[in-house]
């Protein structure tokens, strides 16, 4: 019997990325690129590709503006 794993994916806004997702875009380029790279990595590894994935994204929230998110 093989174990089933749930992979937690945490992606966050890069400090160098000025495209913070405010305005006309739903999310920053940094978040989208990290999502693509991580999922590509998981898809290319058969031992991980079948695992359930849970994504957590921090697209511009900091300790100073986090209170409104809770």
C-alpha atoms as a PDB file:
ATOM      1  CA  UNK A   1       0.000   0.000   0.000  1.00  0.00           C
ATOM      2  CA  UNK A   2       1.532   3.308  -1.067  1.00  0.00           C
ATOM      3  CA  UNK A   3       1.200   6.535   0.861  1.00  0.00           C
ATOM      4  CA  UNK A   4      -0.726   9.460  -0.547  1.00  0.00           C
ATOM      5  CA  UNK A   5       0.733  12.906  -0.015  1.00  0.00           C
ATOM      6  CA  UNK A   6      -0.743  16.381  -0.170  1.00  0.00           C
ATOM      7  CA  UNK A   7       1.817  18.900  -1.386  1.00  0.00           C
ATOM      8  CA  UNK A   8       1.585  22.417   0.031  1.00  0.00           C
ATOM      9  CA  UNK A   9       2.712  25.068  -2.434  1.00  0.00           C
ATOM     10  CA  UNK A  10       3.550  28.488  -1.004  1.00  0.00           C
ATOM     11  CA  UNK A  11       4.152  31.274  -3.496  1.00  0.00           C
ATOM     12  CA  UNK A  12       4.812  34.877  -2.615  1.00  0.00           C
ATOM     13  CA  UNK A  13       5.318  38.243  -4.209  1.00  0.00           C
ATOM     14  CA  UNK A  14       8.923  39.102  -4.963  1.00  0.00           C
ATOM     15  CA  UNK A  15      10.141  42.356  -3.417  1.00  0.00           C
ATOM     16  CA  UNK A  16      11.734  43.201  -6.782  1.00  0.00           C
ATOM     17  CA  UNK A  17       8.394  42.779  -8.574  1.00  0.00           C
ATOM     18  CA  UNK A  18       6.607  46.113  -8.854  1.00  0.00           C
ATOM     19  CA  UNK A  19       3.638  44.466 -10.569  1.00  0.00           C
ATOM     20  CA  UNK A  20       1.759  43.799  -7.331  1.00  0.00           C
ATOM     21  CA  UNK A  21      -1.556  42.725  -8.741  1.00  0.00           C
ATOM     22  CA  UNK A  22      -3.287  46.033  -8.065  1.00  0.00           C
ATOM     23  CA  UNK A  23      -5.182  47.672 -10.890  1.00  0.00           C
ATOM     24  CA  UNK A  24      -6.070  45.771 -14.026  1.00  0.00           C
ATOM     25  CA  UNK A  25      -4.248  42.503 -13.233  1.00  0.00           C
ATOM     26  CA  UNK A  26      -5.608  39.781 -10.974  1.00  0.00           C
ATOM     27  CA  UNK A  27      -2.149  38.737  -9.749  1.00  0.00           C
ATOM     28  CA  UNK A  28       1.485  39.728 -10.152  1.00  0.00           C
ATOM     29  CA  UNK A  29       3.780  38.202 -12.751  1.00  0.00           C
ATOM     30  CA  UNK A  30       5.956  36.895  -9.912  1.00  0.00           C
ATOM     31  CA  UNK A  31       3.087  34.815  -8.497  1.00  0.00           C
ATOM     32  CA  UNK A  32       2.133  33.442 -11.911  1.00  0.00           C
ATOM     33  CA  UNK A  33       5.722  32.509 -12.763  1.00  0.00           C
ATOM     34  CA  UNK A  34       6.296  30.751  -9.445  1.00  0.00           C
ATOM     35  CA  UNK A  35       3.064  28.782  -9.875  1.00  0.00           C
ATOM     36  CA  UNK A  36       4.105  27.706 -13.378  1.00  0.00           C
ATOM     37  CA  UNK A  37       7.625  26.645 -12.325  1.00  0.00           C
ATOM     38  CA  UNK A  38       6.503  24.686  -9.269  1.00  0.00           C
ATOM     39  CA  UNK A  39       3.713  22.875 -11.109  1.00  0.00           C
ATOM     40  CA  UNK A  40       6.042  22.079 -14.017  1.00  0.00           C
ATOM     41  CA  UNK A  41       8.562  20.608 -11.564  1.00  0.00           C
ATOM     42  CA  UNK A  42       5.889  18.476  -9.888  1.00  0.00           C
ATOM     43  CA  UNK A  43       4.452  17.342 -13.232  1.00  0.00           C
ATOM     44  CA  UNK A  44       7.910  16.233 -14.415  1.00  0.00           C
ATOM     45  CA  UNK A  45       8.527  14.013 -11.375  1.00  0.00           C
ATOM     46  CA  UNK A  46       6.350  10.881 -11.540  1.00  0.00           C
ATOM     47  CA  UNK A  47       6.669  10.255  -7.809  1.00  0.00           C
ATOM     48  CA  UNK A  48       5.077  13.682  -7.163  1.00  0.00           C
ATOM     49  CA  UNK A  49       2.846  14.303 -10.177  1.00  0.00           C
ATOM     50  CA  UNK A  50      -0.115  12.323  -8.821  1.00  0.00           C
ATOM     51  CA  UNK A  51      -0.144  14.034  -5.412  1.00  0.00           C
ATOM     52  CA  UNK A  52      -2.906  16.405  -4.413  1.00  0.00           C
ATOM     53  CA  UNK A  53      -1.735  20.042  -4.312  1.00  0.00           C
ATOM     54  CA  UNK A  54      -2.837  22.859  -2.038  1.00  0.00           C
ATOM     55  CA  UNK A  55      -1.745  26.354  -3.009  1.00  0.00           C
ATOM     56  CA  UNK A  56      -1.132  29.285  -0.697  1.00  0.00           C
ATOM     57  CA  UNK A  57      -0.323  32.643  -2.289  1.00  0.00           C
ATOM     58  CA  UNK A  58       0.862  35.871  -0.693  1.00  0.00           C
ATOM     59  CA  UNK A  59       0.391  38.477  -3.407  1.00  0.00           C
ATOM     60  CA  UNK A  60       1.193  41.755  -1.705  1.00  0.00           C
ATOM     61  CA  UNK A  61       0.105  41.188   1.893  1.00  0.00           C
ATOM     62  CA  UNK A  62       2.490  42.250   4.628  1.00  0.00           C
ATOM     63  CA  UNK A  63       2.417  42.520   8.389  1.00  0.00           C
ATOM     64  CA  UNK A  64       1.112  46.071   8.034  1.00  0.00           C
ATOM     65  CA  UNK A  65      -1.908  45.300   5.832  1.00  0.00           C
ATOM     66  CA  UNK A  66      -2.678  41.689   6.817  1.00  0.00           C
ATOM     67  CA  UNK A  67      -5.418  42.529   9.369  1.00  0.00           C
ATOM     68  CA  UNK A  68      -8.022  43.051   6.653  1.00  0.00           C
ATOM     69  CA  UNK A  69      -7.346  39.622   5.149  1.00  0.00           C
ATOM     70  CA  UNK A  70      -8.311  37.532   8.174  1.00  0.00           C
END
